[in-house]
Protein backbone atom coordinates (compact mmCIF):
# COMPACT_ATOMS: atom_id res chain seq x y z
CA UNK A 1 -12.08 -1.53 1.94
CA UNK A 2 -10.89 1.28 4.15
CA UNK A 3 -9.20 4.09 2.23
CA UNK A 4 -6.25 6.17 3.24
CA UNK A 5 -6.85 9.74 4.15
CA UNK A 6 -6.03 11.97 1.28
CA UNK A 7 -3.57 14.00 3.20
CA UNK A 8 -1.28 11.08 3.79
CA UNK A 9 -0.22 11.24 0.24
CA UNK A 10 1.08 14.75 0.76
CA UNK A 11 2.49 14.36 4.27
CA UNK A 12 5.47 16.57 4.81
CA UNK A 13 7.15 17.19 8.16
CA UNK A 14 10.03 19.59 9.11
CA UNK A 15 13.41 18.15 8.63
CA UNK A 16 15.98 18.20 11.46
CA UNK A 17 18.04 21.26 11.45
CA UNK A 18 21.31 19.29 11.88
CA UNK A 19 20.99 16.08 9.90
CA UNK A 20 22.61 12.93 11.42
CA UNK A 21 25.52 11.20 9.92
CA UNK A 22 23.55 7.92 9.59
CA UNK A 23 19.99 6.64 9.57
CA UNK A 24 19.20 3.25 11.06
CA UNK A 25 16.65 1.62 8.73
CA UNK A 26 14.88 -1.57 9.99
CA UNK A 27 12.07 -4.17 9.40
CA UNK A 28 9.95 -6.14 11.72
CA UNK A 29 7.35 -8.71 11.22
CA UNK A 30 5.34 -8.40 14.63
CA UNK A 31 3.35 -11.58 14.68
CA UNK A 32 -0.30 -10.92 14.22
CA UNK A 33 -0.06 -7.63 16.23
CA UNK A 34 -3.53 -6.80 17.44
CA UNK A 35 -5.08 -10.18 16.72
CA UNK A 36 -3.54 -12.52 19.35
CA UNK A 37 -5.92 -15.35 18.64
CA UNK A 38 -4.15 -15.83 15.36
CA UNK A 39 -0.69 -16.16 16.86
CA UNK A 40 0.90 -19.60 16.88
CA UNK A 41 1.88 -21.63 19.88
CA UNK A 42 3.30 -20.90 22.41
CA UNK A 43 2.01 -17.40 22.13
CA UNK A 44 -1.52 -18.03 20.96
CA UNK A 45 -3.96 -15.67 22.67
CA UNK A 46 -1.11 -13.67 24.18
CA UNK A 47 -1.30 -10.04 23.22
CA UNK A 48 1.87 -8.03 22.96
CA UNK A 49 2.25 -5.08 25.24
CA UNK A 50 3.11 -1.45 24.04
CA UNK A 51 5.64 -1.07 26.73
CA UNK A 52 7.62 -4.20 25.61
CA UNK A 53 7.40 -3.18 21.91
CA UNK A 54 8.75 0.33 22.66
CA UNK A 55 11.58 -0.92 24.68
CA UNK A 56 12.71 -3.35 21.96
CA UNK A 57 12.46 -0.81 19.15
CA UNK A 58 14.38 1.73 21.23
CA UNK A 59 17.10 -0.90 21.87
CA UNK A 60 17.47 -1.64 18.24
CA UNK A 61 18.25 2.00 17.47
CA UNK A 62 15.86 2.15 14.43
CA UNK A 63 14.93 5.49 13.09
CA UNK A 64 12.44 4.03 10.37
CA UNK A 65 10.90 0.60 10.27
CA UNK A 66 9.17 -1.41 7.60
CA UNK A 67 6.35 -3.26 9.36
CA UNK A 68 4.66 -6.68 8.46
CA UNK A 69 1.78 -8.70 9.93
CA UNK A 70 0.06 -5.79 11.64
CA UNK A 71 -3.67 -6.16 12.29
CA UNK A 72 -6.19 -3.40 11.78
CA UNK A 73 -8.61 -2.00 14.32
CA UNK A 74 -11.95 -2.59 12.57
CA UNK A 75 -13.72 0.12 14.47
CA UNK A 76 -11.97 2.92 12.64
CA UNK A 77 -13.85 4.57 9.84
CA UNK A 78 -11.25 5.84 7.30
CA UNK A 79 -7.79 4.40 7.50
CA UNK A 80 -6.13 1.31 8.90
CA UNK A 81 -4.79 1.68 12.40
CA UNK A 82 -3.48 -0.42 15.27
CA UNK A 83 -3.91 0.85 18.85
CA UNK A 84 -1.11 -1.47 20.29
CA UNK A 85 1.41 -0.07 17.69
CA UNK A 86 0.30 3.61 18.21
CA UNK A 87 0.74 3.23 22.02
CA UNK A 88 4.16 1.81 21.58
CA UNK A 89 5.34 4.54 19.28
CA UNK A 90 3.86 7.23 21.62
CA UNK A 91 5.97 5.75 24.42
CA UNK A 92 9.10 6.03 22.22
CA UNK A 93 8.29 9.83 21.65
CA UNK A 94 5.74 12.13 20.23
CA UNK A 95 7.77 12.31 17.04
CA UNK A 96 7.08 8.71 15.92
CA UNK A 97 4.41 8.45 13.20
CA UNK A 98 3.09 5.42 11.27
CA UNK A 99 0.99 4.34 8.31
CA UNK A 100 -0.52 0.87 7.42
CA UNK A 101 -1.20 -0.18 3.85
CA UNK A 102 -4.45 -1.89 3.02
CA UNK A 103 -4.44 -5.43 1.48
CA UNK A 104 -6.45 -6.55 -1.49
CA UNK A 105 -10.17 -6.95 -0.75
CA UNK A 106 -11.41 -6.21 2.71
CA UNK A 107 -9.07 -8.39 4.88
CA UNK A 108 -7.70 -6.55 7.93
CA UNK A 109 -4.97 -8.87 8.99
CA UNK A 110 -1.21 -9.02 8.14
CA UNK A 111 -1.00 -5.47 6.91
CA UNK A 112 2.26 -3.96 5.95
CA UNK A 113 3.32 -0.41 6.79
CA UNK A 114 6.17 2.03 7.89
CA UNK A 115 6.80 3.70 11.23
CA UNK A 116 9.29 6.55 11.41
CA UNK A 117 10.88 8.97 13.73
CA UNK A 118 9.88 12.38 12.32
CA UNK A 119 12.69 14.05 14.31
CA UNK A 120 15.14 11.95 12.14
CA UNK A 121 13.41 11.68 8.77
CA UNK A 122 10.62 13.43 7.01
CA UNK A 123 7.91 11.79 4.83
CA UNK A 124 7.80 13.83 1.66
CA UNK A 125 5.90 11.69 -0.86
CA UNK A 126 3.61 8.70 -1.05
CA UNK A 127 2.18 6.20 -0.42
CA UNK A 128 2.36 4.94 -4.07
CA UNK A 129 0.68 1.78 -4.87
CA UNK A 130 3.03 -0.13 -7.13
CA UNK A 131 1.45 -0.91 -10.59
CA UNK A 132 2.23 -4.55 -10.48
CA UNK A 133 0.71 -7.23 -12.82
CA UNK A 134 -0.59 -9.49 -10.16
CA UNK A 135 -1.84 -12.30 -12.39
CA UNK A 136 0.21 -15.08 -13.99
CA UNK A 137 -0.43 -17.53 -16.87
CA UNK A 138 -0.55 -20.57 -14.41
CA UNK A 139 -3.10 -19.07 -12.16
CA UNK A 140 -1.15 -17.58 -9.25
CA UNK A 141 -2.45 -14.41 -7.94
CA UNK A 142 0.64 -12.37 -6.77
CA UNK A 143 1.31 -9.97 -3.93
CA UNK A 144 -1.75 -10.58 -1.62
CA UNK A 145 -0.05 -7.92 0.52
CA UNK A 146 0.18 -5.21 -2.15
CA UNK A 147 3.52 -3.36 -2.02
CA UNK A 148 3.51 0.37 -1.61
CA UNK A 149 6.27 2.84 -1.58
CA UNK A 150 6.98 6.08 0.32
CA UNK A 151 9.83 8.59 0.09
CA UNK A 152 11.74 9.97 3.10
CA UNK A 153 14.25 12.82 3.52
CA UNK A 154 16.78 13.40 6.16
CA UNK A 155 17.19 17.16 5.39
CA UNK A 156 16.75 19.48 2.55
CA UNK A 157 19.66 18.80 0.17
CA UNK A 158 20.64 15.77 2.05
CA UNK A 159 20.07 12.01 1.53
CA UNK A 160 16.61 10.99 0.56
CA UNK A 161 15.30 7.51 -0.09
CA UNK A 162 12.32 5.35 -0.96
CA UNK A 163 11.11 2.27 1.20
CA UNK A 164 9.15 -0.55 -0.08
CA UNK A 165 8.07 -2.96 2.64
CA UNK A 166 7.73 -6.52 1.41
CA UNK A 167 5.92 -9.59 2.57
CA UNK A 168 6.32 -12.38 0.03
CA UNK A 169 4.33 -15.66 -0.25
CA UNK A 170 4.65 -17.79 2.84
CA UNK A 171 5.91 -21.30 2.77
CA UNK A 172 2.62 -22.71 3.99
CA UNK A 173 0.68 -24.59 1.28
CA UNK A 174 -2.94 -23.58 1.21
CA UNK A 175 -3.52 -25.83 -1.77
CA UNK A 176 -1.63 -29.06 -2.90
CA UNK A 177 -0.71 -27.32 -6.03
CA UNK A 178 0.92 -24.40 -4.23
CA UNK A 179 4.62 -23.89 -4.99
CA UNK A 180 5.67 -21.14 -2.57
CA UNK A 181 9.22 -20.62 -3.84
CA UNK A 182 7.99 -20.44 -7.42
CA UNK A 183 5.35 -17.86 -6.45
CA UNK A 184 7.88 -15.80 -4.68
CA UNK A 185 9.98 -15.80 -7.87
CA UNK A 186 7.01 -14.55 -9.81
CA UNK A 187 6.31 -11.87 -7.17
CA UNK A 188 9.82 -10.44 -7.43
CA UNK A 189 9.89 -10.70 -11.16
CA UNK A 190 6.69 -8.69 -11.25
CA UNK A 191 8.22 -6.15 -8.72
CA UNK A 192 11.33 -5.80 -10.80
CA UNK A 193 9.24 -4.88 -13.85
CA UNK A 194 7.86 -1.77 -12.06
CA UNK A 195 10.97 -0.54 -10.14
CA UNK A 196 11.60 1.83 -13.04
CA UNK A 197 8.28 3.42 -12.56
CA UNK A 198 8.99 3.87 -8.85
CA UNK A 199 12.32 5.66 -9.57
CA UNK A 200 10.61 7.89 -12.07
CA UNK A 201 7.61 8.58 -9.86
CA UNK A 202 9.91 9.73 -6.95
CA UNK A 203 12.85 10.93 -8.95
CA UNK A 204 14.95 8.76 -6.71
CA UNK A 205 17.55 6.02 -7.15
CA UNK A 206 17.83 5.06 -3.50
CA UNK A 207 14.95 2.50 -3.52
CA UNK A 208 15.15 0.04 -0.63
CA UNK A 209 13.32 -3.26 -0.45
CA UNK A 210 12.91 -4.76 2.91
CA UNK A 211 10.83 -7.08 5.12
CA UNK A 212 9.74 -10.66 5.39
CA UNK A 213 10.76 -12.37 2.19
CA UNK A 214 9.88 -15.93 3.42
CA UNK A 215 12.86 -16.99 1.33
CA UNK A 216 14.72 -20.03 2.67
CA UNK A 217 18.03 -19.23 1.28
CA UNK A 218 19.87 -16.35 -0.54
CA UNK A 219 20.11 -18.44 -3.69
CA UNK A 220 16.36 -18.77 -4.15
CA UNK A 221 15.15 -17.53 -7.48
CA UNK A 222 13.10 -14.67 -5.84
CA UNK A 223 16.22 -13.18 -4.46
CA UNK A 224 18.27 -13.86 -7.70
CA UNK A 225 15.65 -11.75 -9.53
CA UNK A 226 16.48 -8.89 -7.23
CA UNK A 227 20.20 -9.36 -7.53
CA UNK A 228 20.00 -9.21 -11.33
CA UNK A 229 18.06 -5.99 -10.87
CA UNK A 230 21.02 -4.32 -9.11
CA UNK A 231 20.26 -5.16 -5.42
CA UNK A 232 22.53 -6.47 -2.63
CA UNK A 233 20.86 -8.86 -0.17
CA UNK A 234 22.35 -7.82 3.37
CA UNK A 235 21.34 -11.20 4.62
CA UNK A 236 23.21 -13.13 1.93
CA UNK A 237 24.83 -15.28 4.59
CA UNK A 238 21.34 -16.48 5.68
CA UNK A 239 21.41 -15.43 9.25
CA UNK A 240 18.38 -16.82 11.13
CA UNK A 241 15.85 -14.13 11.83
CA UNK A 242 13.08 -16.14 13.44
CA UNK A 243 12.82 -17.63 16.96
CA UNK A 244 13.27 -21.28 15.86
CA UNK A 245 14.52 -23.18 12.76
CA UNK A 246 17.07 -21.94 10.33
CA UNK A 247 14.69 -19.34 8.77
CA UNK A 248 16.53 -16.36 7.24
CA UNK A 249 13.41 -14.78 6.10
CA UNK A 250 13.76 -11.10 7.00
CA UNK A 251 16.08 -9.26 4.68
CA UNK A 252 17.06 -5.67 3.54
CA UNK A 253 18.09 -5.31 0.06
CA UNK A 254 19.90 -2.03 -1.03
CA UNK A 255 20.91 -0.67 -4.36
CA UNK A 256 24.36 -2.13 -5.15
CA UNK A 257 25.86 0.99 -6.69
CA UNK A 258 24.52 3.67 -4.35
CA UNK A 259 27.28 5.07 -2.11
CA UNK A 260 25.02 5.51 0.94
CA UNK A 261 24.98 1.75 1.33
CA UNK A 262 28.65 0.88 0.48
CA UNK A 263 29.24 -0.20 4.04
CA UNK A 264 25.80 -1.34 5.05
CA UNK A 265 25.31 -4.79 6.76
CA UNK A 266 22.34 -6.45 8.34
CA UNK A 267 22.02 -6.82 12.17
CA UNK A 268 19.49 -9.22 13.82
CA UNK A 269 18.31 -7.97 17.17
CA UNK A 270 18.15 -10.80 19.71
CA UNK A 271 17.70 -9.39 23.19
CA UNK A 272 20.61 -10.36 25.40
CA UNK A 273 19.65 -12.84 28.13
CA UNK A 274 16.25 -13.70 26.69
CA UNK A 275 15.28 -17.18 25.70
CA UNK A 276 13.97 -17.68 22.16
CA UNK A 277 10.79 -19.06 23.44
CA UNK A 278 10.28 -16.13 25.75
CA UNK A 279 10.82 -13.76 22.86
CA UNK A 280 8.20 -15.56 20.85
CA UNK A 281 5.60 -15.23 23.59
CA UNK A 282 6.39 -11.66 24.53
CA UNK A 283 7.21 -10.16 21.06
CA UNK A 284 6.93 -12.13 17.82
CA UNK A 285 8.13 -15.09 15.87
CA UNK A 286 10.52 -12.73 14.08
CA UNK A 287 13.37 -10.64 15.25
CA UNK A 288 13.80 -7.07 14.19
CA UNK A 289 16.59 -6.49 11.64
CA UNK A 290 18.43 -3.22 10.79
CA UNK A 291 21.15 -1.60 8.66
CA UNK A 292 22.73 1.77 8.58
CA UNK A 293 22.51 4.22 5.74
CA UNK A 294 25.22 6.91 5.45
CA UNK A 295 23.82 10.52 5.20
CA UNK A 296 25.39 12.99 2.85
CA UNK A 297 24.54 15.47 0.05
CA UNK A 298 21.72 14.22 -2.12
CA UNK A 299 23.21 12.57 -5.24
CA UNK A 300 20.06 11.97 -7.28
């Protein structure tokens, strides 16, 4: 498996001199970015273009993005990267950075990661591989896309937060004995068990969970586990976040008792005037979702 460069764990960038009043946090599953042959119809073999991705991200207003389903360039020696994503972010500005997280084994597809505008937020700690127990008594192997966490700061003494991108078990059954909803419940149960270690590791209470949950409804056990752990699902009304079907997969979950998120809600970014099929072909089968976090003096 490729390994992350050691300096990434210590990445620190200068914070903006005048911190903004809010930060826009988002998540986007960019369907098999960098591997168009794996995309489903009607976009199979259609490669996304950096210019289009940059325009869409810019229109969303996102300052930081959890990423899912990003392919790796197998020709790089050390750390995962994606040339299309890199070009798209460079078109946004020279301040945009990104990191991709390796999966278990040597698989180079469907990676998760984070992209951020370093003029708005600074990466100050991580990535941290969550110490999750990924085995269950009934044979499920959990978290194929192993969750990792990174801490970001708006400015010295101002709001900081931890992001954990999520990509839970898909609804596809690879085996007749598969039970995707049950496996997702086991995945979030295992995640909840280590959230205390995340807060302790980063000395931070603002831990945000976001990404492609694959959950079919807000009442699914996987999401109830997170609710009992103190999280508020910003897509509790099950807004559709994919190009077709009533699929409310993409969710941002924020700590219920943290004041930065008191007024947070989730927005699904559907480009005005664009047909859903055209969006699928040009961009992804998932829309980008965002929320706003209020910035103030650090309270942790």
